[in-house]
Amino acid sequence: MKKHTEPSHHLELRVHELAQLFNSMDPTPFHSKALDREAETFIEAWARSFTPKSSLHLTIHLQHMPPEGDPATLVTGAIHHHFEEKADLARRDLRDLFWQGRTSLLIGLAFVALCLLAADLIGESGASTAHTIARESLTIVGWVAMWRPMQLFLYDWWPLARRIGTYKALARAHVKMVQSGG
């Protein structure tokens, strides 16, 4: 029986020096440095086109290697750390979205209950056209109030969950540095 393996995808980046990969305004130590926004956007856009369970491989072609030591371990750690932090932030955003959804749902349920009670009261007081319009309007308005909570729980969380998966895949990506001619 053949064992199922996850698909493997490769991205090759070409830079002159390491500074091009990282945000020059970030004062944190190298292993915690934020990626340059353009590099981050490029890497994320590439990774988003694959399933989060894919095996990702980044090869960084560096034209000018630093004079001392091999930067591969530091760069790998910095890239992994960067995307672990982005995954944590996205998880917090997802948690906040579900909190907002629960709050919106409670408010929506209370509002729809009030609207339906008011519609029932109007319905019992007469059968004129104005009463019918008021009753139906309250019913519609009450159910429309449920739109946002349902949107949050049915649709809005998917992109965040997908983004978390992409960040987690990038946080475990295999990173290799090679010196390129220049």
N, C-alpha and C. Protein backbone atom coordinates (compact mmCIF):
# COMPACT_ATOMS: atom_id res chain seq x y z
N MET A 1 0.83 -1.17 0.00
CA MET A 1 0.00 0.00 0.00
C MET A 1 0.89 1.25 0.00
N LYS A 2 0.60 2.16 -0.92
CA LYS A 2 1.43 3.36 -1.07
C LYS A 2 1.00 4.42 -0.05
N LYS A 3 1.98 4.98 0.62
CA LYS A 3 1.73 6.02 1.61
C LYS A 3 1.48 7.35 0.89
N HIS A 4 0.42 8.07 1.31
CA HIS A 4 0.08 9.36 0.72
C HIS A 4 1.03 10.44 1.25
N THR A 5 1.64 11.17 0.35
CA THR A 5 2.51 12.27 0.76
C THR A 5 1.89 13.58 0.28
N GLU A 6 2.15 14.61 1.06
CA GLU A 6 1.63 15.92 0.71
C GLU A 6 2.41 16.49 -0.46
N PRO A 7 1.74 17.30 -1.29
CA PRO A 7 2.46 17.90 -2.42
C PRO A 7 3.57 18.83 -1.95
N SER A 8 4.59 18.91 -2.76
CA SER A 8 5.75 19.73 -2.44
C SER A 8 5.85 20.86 -3.46
N HIS A 9 6.09 22.08 -2.97
CA HIS A 9 6.16 23.25 -3.85
C HIS A 9 7.41 24.05 -3.52
N HIS A 10 8.00 24.62 -4.56
CA HIS A 10 9.29 25.32 -4.40
C HIS A 10 9.18 26.75 -4.89
N LEU A 11 9.80 27.66 -4.14
CA LEU A 11 9.89 29.07 -4.52
C LEU A 11 11.36 29.46 -4.43
N GLU A 12 11.82 30.15 -5.46
CA GLU A 12 13.20 30.62 -5.45
C GLU A 12 13.19 32.15 -5.44
N LEU A 13 13.86 32.71 -4.45
CA LEU A 13 14.00 34.16 -4.32
C LEU A 13 15.44 34.53 -4.62
N ARG A 14 15.62 35.61 -5.34
CA ARG A 14 16.96 36.09 -5.65
C ARG A 14 17.13 37.48 -5.04
N VAL A 15 18.13 37.61 -4.17
CA VAL A 15 18.42 38.90 -3.54
C VAL A 15 19.92 39.16 -3.58
N HIS A 16 20.26 40.43 -3.54
CA HIS A 16 21.68 40.80 -3.52
C HIS A 16 22.28 40.58 -2.15
N GLU A 17 21.52 41.01 -1.12
CA GLU A 17 22.02 40.88 0.25
C GLU A 17 20.86 40.58 1.19
N LEU A 18 21.20 40.08 2.37
CA LEU A 18 20.17 39.69 3.34
C LEU A 18 19.24 40.83 3.73
N ALA A 19 19.74 42.03 3.76
CA ALA A 19 18.94 43.18 4.18
C ALA A 19 17.70 43.35 3.32
N GLN A 20 17.72 42.86 2.09
CA GLN A 20 16.57 42.98 1.21
C GLN A 20 15.39 42.13 1.70
N LEU A 21 15.66 41.11 2.46
CA LEU A 21 14.59 40.23 2.95
C LEU A 21 13.87 40.78 4.17
N PHE A 22 14.52 41.66 4.92
CA PHE A 22 13.98 42.07 6.21
C PHE A 22 13.68 43.56 6.26
N ASN A 23 12.75 43.90 7.13
CA ASN A 23 12.34 45.28 7.34
C ASN A 23 13.50 46.04 7.99
N SER A 24 14.00 47.02 7.29
CA SER A 24 15.17 47.74 7.79
C SER A 24 14.85 48.61 9.00
N MET A 25 13.58 48.90 9.24
CA MET A 25 13.18 49.73 10.38
C MET A 25 12.97 48.90 11.65
N ASP A 26 13.02 47.59 11.53
CA ASP A 26 12.78 46.70 12.66
C ASP A 26 14.05 46.59 13.51
N PRO A 27 14.01 47.07 14.77
CA PRO A 27 15.21 47.06 15.62
C PRO A 27 15.42 45.75 16.38
N THR A 28 14.54 44.78 16.21
CA THR A 28 14.64 43.54 17.00
C THR A 28 15.84 42.71 16.54
N PRO A 29 16.25 41.76 17.39
CA PRO A 29 17.37 40.87 16.99
C PRO A 29 17.02 40.13 15.70
N PHE A 30 18.05 39.69 15.01
CA PHE A 30 17.89 39.11 13.68
C PHE A 30 16.88 37.97 13.65
N HIS A 31 16.92 37.06 14.63
CA HIS A 31 16.02 35.90 14.60
C HIS A 31 14.55 36.29 14.77
N SER A 32 14.28 37.52 15.23
CA SER A 32 12.90 37.97 15.42
C SER A 32 12.51 39.04 14.41
N LYS A 33 13.36 39.34 13.48
CA LYS A 33 13.09 40.43 12.54
C LYS A 33 11.87 40.15 11.68
N ALA A 34 11.14 41.22 11.37
CA ALA A 34 10.01 41.13 10.46
C ALA A 34 10.53 41.11 9.02
N LEU A 35 9.86 40.35 8.20
CA LEU A 35 10.23 40.33 6.78
C LEU A 35 9.88 41.66 6.14
N ASP A 36 10.61 42.01 5.11
CA ASP A 36 10.28 43.17 4.31
C ASP A 36 8.87 42.96 3.75
N ARG A 37 8.06 44.01 3.73
CA ARG A 37 6.65 43.89 3.32
C ARG A 37 6.52 43.30 1.91
N GLU A 38 7.36 43.73 0.99
CA GLU A 38 7.27 43.20 -0.38
C GLU A 38 7.65 41.72 -0.43
N ALA A 39 8.68 41.35 0.29
CA ALA A 39 9.09 39.94 0.33
C ALA A 39 7.99 39.10 0.97
N GLU A 40 7.44 39.59 2.07
CA GLU A 40 6.36 38.89 2.77
C GLU A 40 5.15 38.70 1.86
N THR A 41 4.74 39.76 1.18
CA THR A 41 3.58 39.70 0.28
C THR A 41 3.82 38.70 -0.85
N PHE A 42 5.02 38.73 -1.41
CA PHE A 42 5.35 37.82 -2.50
C PHE A 42 5.32 36.36 -2.03
N ILE A 43 5.92 36.09 -0.89
CA ILE A 43 5.96 34.72 -0.36
C ILE A 43 4.55 34.24 0.00
N GLU A 44 3.75 35.10 0.66
CA GLU A 44 2.39 34.72 1.03
C GLU A 44 1.53 34.45 -0.19
N ALA A 45 1.62 35.31 -1.20
CA ALA A 45 0.82 35.12 -2.42
C ALA A 45 1.15 33.79 -3.08
N TRP A 46 2.42 33.46 -3.10
CA TRP A 46 2.84 32.18 -3.66
C TRP A 46 2.26 31.03 -2.85
N ALA A 47 2.40 31.09 -1.53
CA ALA A 47 1.98 29.98 -0.66
C ALA A 47 0.47 29.81 -0.63
N ARG A 48 -0.30 30.91 -0.79
CA ARG A 48 -1.76 30.83 -0.75
C ARG A 48 -2.34 29.98 -1.86
N SER A 49 -1.60 29.80 -2.93
CA SER A 49 -2.13 29.03 -4.05
C SER A 49 -2.04 27.52 -3.83
N PHE A 50 -1.52 27.10 -2.69
CA PHE A 50 -1.39 25.67 -2.38
C PHE A 50 -2.18 25.33 -1.13
N THR A 51 -2.45 24.05 -0.94
CA THR A 51 -3.16 23.65 0.27
C THR A 51 -2.25 23.87 1.48
N PRO A 52 -2.83 24.20 2.63
CA PRO A 52 -2.01 24.44 3.82
C PRO A 52 -1.20 23.22 4.27
N LYS A 53 -1.56 22.04 3.82
CA LYS A 53 -0.81 20.84 4.21
C LYS A 53 0.36 20.56 3.27
N SER A 54 0.54 21.42 2.29
CA SER A 54 1.64 21.24 1.34
C SER A 54 2.98 21.40 2.04
N SER A 55 3.98 20.77 1.46
CA SER A 55 5.35 20.93 1.91
C SER A 55 5.96 22.07 1.09
N LEU A 56 6.30 23.16 1.78
CA LEU A 56 6.83 24.34 1.09
C LEU A 56 8.34 24.41 1.24
N HIS A 57 9.00 24.79 0.16
CA HIS A 57 10.46 24.90 0.13
C HIS A 57 10.82 26.27 -0.44
N LEU A 58 11.58 27.03 0.33
CA LEU A 58 12.06 28.33 -0.12
C LEU A 58 13.56 28.23 -0.34
N THR A 59 13.99 28.58 -1.52
CA THR A 59 15.43 28.65 -1.79
C THR A 59 15.76 30.12 -2.02
N ILE A 60 16.66 30.63 -1.21
CA ILE A 60 17.06 32.03 -1.31
C ILE A 60 18.44 32.07 -1.95
N HIS A 61 18.48 32.66 -3.13
CA HIS A 61 19.74 32.84 -3.84
C HIS A 61 20.29 34.19 -3.42
N LEU A 62 21.41 34.14 -2.71
CA LEU A 62 22.00 35.34 -2.14
C LEU A 62 23.28 35.68 -2.91
N GLN A 63 23.29 36.87 -3.50
CA GLN A 63 24.45 37.25 -4.31
C GLN A 63 25.67 37.56 -3.44
N HIS A 64 25.46 38.25 -2.34
CA HIS A 64 26.57 38.62 -1.45
C HIS A 64 26.36 37.99 -0.08
N MET A 65 27.06 36.90 0.17
CA MET A 65 26.98 36.24 1.48
C MET A 65 27.69 37.11 2.52
N PRO A 66 27.20 37.11 3.73
CA PRO A 66 27.90 37.86 4.79
C PRO A 66 29.30 37.28 4.98
N PRO A 67 30.25 38.13 5.35
CA PRO A 67 31.64 37.67 5.47
C PRO A 67 31.84 36.64 6.57
N GLU A 68 31.07 36.72 7.64
CA GLU A 68 31.27 35.77 8.74
C GLU A 68 30.06 34.85 8.88
N GLY A 69 30.35 33.59 8.95
CA GLY A 69 29.34 32.57 9.25
C GLY A 69 28.34 32.29 8.14
N ASP A 70 27.59 31.23 8.38
CA ASP A 70 26.54 30.81 7.47
C ASP A 70 25.20 31.36 7.97
N PRO A 71 24.55 32.23 7.21
CA PRO A 71 23.32 32.85 7.68
C PRO A 71 22.08 31.95 7.55
N ALA A 72 22.23 30.76 7.01
CA ALA A 72 21.06 29.90 6.72
C ALA A 72 20.23 29.62 7.97
N THR A 73 20.87 29.29 9.08
CA THR A 73 20.13 28.97 10.31
C THR A 73 19.38 30.19 10.82
N LEU A 74 20.04 31.35 10.82
CA LEU A 74 19.39 32.57 11.29
C LEU A 74 18.23 32.98 10.38
N VAL A 75 18.42 32.89 9.07
CA VAL A 75 17.37 33.27 8.13
C VAL A 75 16.18 32.31 8.25
N THR A 76 16.47 31.03 8.36
CA THR A 76 15.40 30.04 8.52
C THR A 76 14.61 30.34 9.79
N GLY A 77 15.32 30.57 10.89
CA GLY A 77 14.64 30.88 12.15
C GLY A 77 13.82 32.16 12.06
N ALA A 78 14.37 33.18 11.40
CA ALA A 78 13.66 34.45 11.28
C ALA A 78 12.39 34.29 10.43
N ILE A 79 12.48 33.55 9.34
CA ILE A 79 11.30 33.33 8.48
C ILE A 79 10.25 32.52 9.23
N HIS A 80 10.69 31.45 9.89
CA HIS A 80 9.73 30.64 10.66
C HIS A 80 9.08 31.47 11.77
N HIS A 81 9.89 32.23 12.49
CA HIS A 81 9.36 33.06 13.58
C HIS A 81 8.37 34.10 13.04
N HIS A 82 8.69 34.70 11.92
CA HIS A 82 7.82 35.72 11.32
C HIS A 82 6.43 35.14 11.02
N PHE A 83 6.40 33.97 10.39
CA PHE A 83 5.11 33.40 10.01
C PHE A 83 4.40 32.74 11.19
N GLU A 84 5.13 32.30 12.20
CA GLU A 84 4.47 31.83 13.44
C GLU A 84 3.74 32.98 14.10
N GLU A 85 4.37 34.15 14.14
CA GLU A 85 3.72 35.32 14.72
C GLU A 85 2.50 35.73 13.91
N LYS A 86 2.60 35.67 12.58
CA LYS A 86 1.45 36.01 11.74
C LYS A 86 0.31 35.01 11.96
N ALA A 87 0.64 33.74 12.14
CA ALA A 87 -0.39 32.73 12.43
C ALA A 87 -1.05 33.03 13.77
N ASP A 88 -0.26 33.40 14.78
CA ASP A 88 -0.82 33.76 16.08
C ASP A 88 -1.76 34.96 15.97
N LEU A 89 -1.35 35.97 15.22
CA LEU A 89 -2.21 37.15 15.03
C LEU A 89 -3.51 36.78 14.32
N ALA A 90 -3.41 35.95 13.31
CA ALA A 90 -4.61 35.54 12.58
C ALA A 90 -5.52 34.68 13.47
N ARG A 91 -4.93 33.85 14.34
CA ARG A 91 -5.74 33.06 15.28
C ARG A 91 -6.49 33.99 16.24
N ARG A 92 -5.82 35.06 16.68
CA ARG A 92 -6.50 36.04 17.54
C ARG A 92 -7.62 36.74 16.78
N ASP A 93 -7.37 37.06 15.52
CA ASP A 93 -8.42 37.68 14.70
C ASP A 93 -9.61 36.74 14.55
N LEU A 94 -9.34 35.45 14.37
CA LEU A 94 -10.42 34.47 14.26
C LEU A 94 -11.19 34.35 15.57
N ARG A 95 -10.47 34.33 16.66
CA ARG A 95 -11.12 34.28 17.98
C ARG A 95 -12.00 35.51 18.17
N ASP A 96 -11.49 36.70 17.80
CA ASP A 96 -12.26 37.94 17.90
C ASP A 96 -13.49 37.90 16.99
N LEU A 97 -13.33 37.34 15.81
CA LEU A 97 -14.46 37.23 14.88
C LEU A 97 -15.56 36.35 15.46
N PHE A 98 -15.18 35.22 16.06
CA PHE A 98 -16.18 34.35 16.67
C PHE A 98 -16.82 35.01 17.90
N TRP A 99 -16.05 35.78 18.66
CA TRP A 99 -16.63 36.52 19.78
C TRP A 99 -17.65 37.53 19.27
N GLN A 100 -17.27 38.25 18.20
CA GLN A 100 -18.20 39.20 17.59
C GLN A 100 -19.44 38.47 17.06
N GLY A 101 -19.23 37.30 16.48
CA GLY A 101 -20.35 36.51 15.98
C GLY A 101 -21.31 36.10 17.08
N ARG A 102 -20.75 35.63 18.20
CA ARG A 102 -21.60 35.22 19.32
C ARG A 102 -22.37 36.42 19.89
N THR A 103 -21.68 37.54 20.03
CA THR A 103 -22.33 38.75 20.53
C THR A 103 -23.42 39.21 19.56
N SER A 104 -23.10 39.23 18.28
CA SER A 104 -24.08 39.63 17.27
C SER A 104 -25.27 38.68 17.25
N LEU A 105 -25.00 37.40 17.44
CA LEU A 105 -26.08 36.41 17.46
C LEU A 105 -27.02 36.65 18.64
N LEU A 106 -26.47 36.90 19.81
CA LEU A 106 -27.32 37.18 20.98
C LEU A 106 -28.16 38.44 20.77
N ILE A 107 -27.54 39.48 20.27
CA ILE A 107 -28.28 40.72 19.99
C ILE A 107 -29.34 40.47 18.92
N GLY A 108 -28.95 39.77 17.87
CA GLY A 108 -29.89 39.47 16.78
C GLY A 108 -31.07 38.63 17.24
N LEU A 109 -30.80 37.60 18.07
CA LEU A 109 -31.89 36.76 18.58
C LEU A 109 -32.84 37.57 19.45
N ALA A 110 -32.29 38.43 20.30
CA ALA A 110 -33.14 39.27 21.15
C ALA A 110 -33.98 40.22 20.28
N PHE A 111 -33.35 40.81 19.28
CA PHE A 111 -34.07 41.75 18.41
C PHE A 111 -35.14 41.04 17.60
N VAL A 112 -34.84 39.89 17.02
CA VAL A 112 -35.84 39.17 16.22
C VAL A 112 -36.99 38.72 17.11
N ALA A 113 -36.69 38.32 18.35
CA ALA A 113 -37.76 37.92 19.27
C ALA A 113 -38.68 39.11 19.55
N LEU A 114 -38.10 40.28 19.80
CA LEU A 114 -38.92 41.49 20.04
C LEU A 114 -39.75 41.85 18.82
N CYS A 115 -39.12 41.78 17.65
CA CYS A 115 -39.86 42.10 16.41
C CYS A 115 -41.01 41.12 16.18
N LEU A 116 -40.78 39.83 16.41
CA LEU A 116 -41.84 38.84 16.21
C LEU A 116 -42.96 38.99 17.25
N LEU A 117 -42.59 39.33 18.48
CA LEU A 117 -43.62 39.59 19.50
C LEU A 117 -44.45 40.81 19.12
N ALA A 118 -43.78 41.87 18.68
CA ALA A 118 -44.51 43.07 18.25
C ALA A 118 -45.39 42.78 17.04
N ALA A 119 -44.88 41.96 16.10
CA ALA A 119 -45.68 41.59 14.93
C ALA A 119 -46.91 40.81 15.34
N ASP A 120 -46.76 39.91 16.32
CA ASP A 120 -47.93 39.16 16.82
C ASP A 120 -48.95 40.09 17.47
N LEU A 121 -48.47 41.06 18.24
CA LEU A 121 -49.38 42.01 18.88
C LEU A 121 -50.14 42.83 17.84
N ILE A 122 -49.44 43.26 16.80
CA ILE A 122 -50.09 44.02 15.73
C ILE A 122 -51.09 43.15 15.00
N GLY A 123 -50.71 41.89 14.77
CA GLY A 123 -51.59 40.97 14.05
C GLY A 123 -52.88 40.71 14.79
N GLU A 124 -52.84 40.76 16.12
CA GLU A 124 -54.04 40.49 16.91
C GLU A 124 -54.94 41.70 16.99
N SER A 125 -54.43 42.91 16.72
CA SER A 125 -55.22 44.11 16.92
C SER A 125 -56.08 44.47 15.72
N GLY A 126 -55.88 43.85 14.60
CA GLY A 126 -56.72 44.16 13.44
C GLY A 126 -56.17 43.52 12.19
N ALA A 127 -56.99 43.56 11.14
CA ALA A 127 -56.60 42.93 9.89
C ALA A 127 -56.56 43.93 8.74
N SER A 128 -56.35 45.17 9.04
CA SER A 128 -56.30 46.18 7.97
C SER A 128 -54.98 46.05 7.20
N THR A 129 -54.93 46.71 6.07
CA THR A 129 -53.72 46.69 5.24
C THR A 129 -52.54 47.29 6.00
N ALA A 130 -52.76 48.35 6.73
CA ALA A 130 -51.69 48.99 7.50
C ALA A 130 -51.16 48.04 8.56
N HIS A 131 -52.02 47.30 9.22
CA HIS A 131 -51.59 46.33 10.22
C HIS A 131 -50.77 45.20 9.58
N THR A 132 -51.23 44.77 8.42
CA THR A 132 -50.52 43.69 7.71
C THR A 132 -49.12 44.16 7.30
N ILE A 133 -49.06 45.38 6.76
CA ILE A 133 -47.75 45.93 6.35
C ILE A 133 -46.83 46.06 7.56
N ALA A 134 -47.34 46.58 8.67
CA ALA A 134 -46.53 46.75 9.87
C ALA A 134 -46.05 45.40 10.40
N ARG A 135 -46.96 44.42 10.43
CA ARG A 135 -46.61 43.09 10.93
C ARG A 135 -45.53 42.42 10.06
N GLU A 136 -45.73 42.47 8.76
CA GLU A 136 -44.76 41.85 7.84
C GLU A 136 -43.43 42.59 7.88
N SER A 137 -43.47 43.92 7.99
CA SER A 137 -42.24 44.71 8.06
C SER A 137 -41.44 44.35 9.31
N LEU A 138 -42.10 44.23 10.44
CA LEU A 138 -41.41 43.84 11.67
C LEU A 138 -40.80 42.44 11.56
N THR A 139 -41.51 41.54 10.92
CA THR A 139 -41.00 40.18 10.73
C THR A 139 -39.74 40.21 9.86
N ILE A 140 -39.81 40.95 8.77
CA ILE A 140 -38.67 41.04 7.85
C ILE A 140 -37.48 41.71 8.53
N VAL A 141 -37.72 42.84 9.20
CA VAL A 141 -36.64 43.57 9.87
C VAL A 141 -35.99 42.68 10.94
N GLY A 142 -36.80 41.94 11.66
CA GLY A 142 -36.25 41.04 12.69
C GLY A 142 -35.33 40.00 12.10
N TRP A 143 -35.75 39.38 10.99
CA TRP A 143 -34.91 38.34 10.39
C TRP A 143 -33.69 38.93 9.68
N VAL A 144 -33.82 40.15 9.15
CA VAL A 144 -32.66 40.80 8.54
C VAL A 144 -31.59 41.08 9.59
N ALA A 145 -32.00 41.32 10.83
CA ALA A 145 -31.04 41.55 11.92
C ALA A 145 -30.17 40.31 12.15
N MET A 146 -30.60 39.17 11.71
CA MET A 146 -29.83 37.93 11.87
C MET A 146 -28.81 37.73 10.74
N TRP A 147 -28.85 38.62 9.75
CA TRP A 147 -27.97 38.48 8.58
C TRP A 147 -26.50 38.47 8.98
N ARG A 148 -26.08 39.46 9.75
CA ARG A 148 -24.66 39.60 10.09
C ARG A 148 -24.14 38.42 10.92
N PRO A 149 -24.85 37.99 11.98
CA PRO A 149 -24.33 36.83 12.70
C PRO A 149 -24.21 35.59 11.81
N MET A 150 -25.18 35.39 10.95
CA MET A 150 -25.12 34.22 10.06
C MET A 150 -23.97 34.36 9.06
N GLN A 151 -23.74 35.57 8.57
CA GLN A 151 -22.62 35.79 7.66
C GLN A 151 -21.30 35.48 8.35
N LEU A 152 -21.16 35.93 9.59
CA LEU A 152 -19.93 35.66 10.34
C LEU A 152 -19.70 34.16 10.51
N PHE A 153 -20.73 33.45 10.93
CA PHE A 153 -20.57 32.03 11.23
C PHE A 153 -20.53 31.15 9.99
N LEU A 154 -21.14 31.58 8.90
CA LEU A 154 -21.17 30.75 7.70
C LEU A 154 -20.05 31.05 6.71
N TYR A 155 -19.62 32.32 6.64
CA TYR A 155 -18.70 32.69 5.56
C TYR A 155 -17.43 33.41 5.98
N ASP A 156 -17.52 34.35 6.91
CA ASP A 156 -16.39 35.24 7.18
C ASP A 156 -15.18 34.57 7.81
N TRP A 157 -15.36 33.44 8.46
CA TRP A 157 -14.24 32.79 9.13
C TRP A 157 -13.36 31.98 8.19
N TRP A 158 -13.87 31.57 7.05
CA TRP A 158 -13.10 30.74 6.12
C TRP A 158 -11.78 31.38 5.70
N PRO A 159 -11.80 32.64 5.22
CA PRO A 159 -10.52 33.22 4.79
C PRO A 159 -9.48 33.29 5.91
N LEU A 160 -9.93 33.58 7.13
CA LEU A 160 -8.99 33.63 8.25
C LEU A 160 -8.41 32.24 8.54
N ALA A 161 -9.26 31.24 8.53
CA ALA A 161 -8.77 29.87 8.78
C ALA A 161 -7.79 29.46 7.68
N ARG A 162 -8.07 29.82 6.46
CA ARG A 162 -7.17 29.50 5.35
C ARG A 162 -5.83 30.23 5.52
N ARG A 163 -5.90 31.50 5.92
CA ARG A 163 -4.68 32.28 6.14
C ARG A 163 -3.84 31.68 7.25
N ILE A 164 -4.50 31.22 8.32
CA ILE A 164 -3.77 30.56 9.42
C ILE A 164 -3.03 29.34 8.89
N GLY A 165 -3.72 28.55 8.08
CA GLY A 165 -3.08 27.36 7.49
C GLY A 165 -1.88 27.71 6.63
N THR A 166 -2.01 28.78 5.85
CA THR A 166 -0.90 29.22 5.00
C THR A 166 0.28 29.66 5.85
N TYR A 167 0.01 30.44 6.90
CA TYR A 167 1.09 30.91 7.78
C TYR A 167 1.76 29.74 8.49
N LYS A 168 0.97 28.77 8.92
CA LYS A 168 1.56 27.60 9.59
C LYS A 168 2.44 26.82 8.62
N ALA A 169 1.99 26.70 7.37
CA ALA A 169 2.81 26.00 6.36
C ALA A 169 4.12 26.75 6.13
N LEU A 170 4.05 28.08 6.08
CA LEU A 170 5.28 28.86 5.88
C LEU A 170 6.17 28.81 7.12
N ALA A 171 5.58 28.69 8.30
CA ALA A 171 6.37 28.61 9.54
C ALA A 171 7.13 27.29 9.65
N ARG A 172 6.73 26.31 8.88
CA ARG A 172 7.46 25.04 8.89
C ARG A 172 8.15 24.76 7.54
N ALA A 173 8.19 25.76 6.68
CA ALA A 173 8.79 25.60 5.35
C ALA A 173 10.28 25.28 5.46
N HIS A 174 10.74 24.51 4.53
CA HIS A 174 12.17 24.21 4.43
C HIS A 174 12.83 25.40 3.74
N VAL A 175 13.80 26.01 4.39
CA VAL A 175 14.48 27.19 3.83
C VAL A 175 15.93 26.82 3.55
N LYS A 176 16.36 27.14 2.34
CA LYS A 176 17.74 26.83 1.95
C LYS A 176 18.33 28.10 1.36
N MET A 177 19.58 28.37 1.70
CA MET A 177 20.28 29.52 1.13
C MET A 177 21.43 29.03 0.28
N VAL A 178 21.53 29.64 -0.90
CA VAL A 178 22.64 29.32 -1.77
C VAL A 178 23.25 30.62 -2.28
N GLN A 179 24.55 30.59 -2.48
CA GLN A 179 25.21 31.78 -3.02
C GLN A 179 25.10 31.71 -4.53
N SER A 180 24.63 32.81 -5.09
CA SER A 180 24.52 32.87 -6.56
C SER A 180 25.58 33.80 -7.10
N GLY A 181 25.93 33.56 -8.32
CA GLY A 181 26.93 34.40 -8.95
C GLY A 181 26.36 35.77 -9.25
N GLY A 182 27.18 36.72 -9.38
CA GLY A 182 26.62 38.04 -9.63
C GLY A 182 27.63 38.93 -10.14
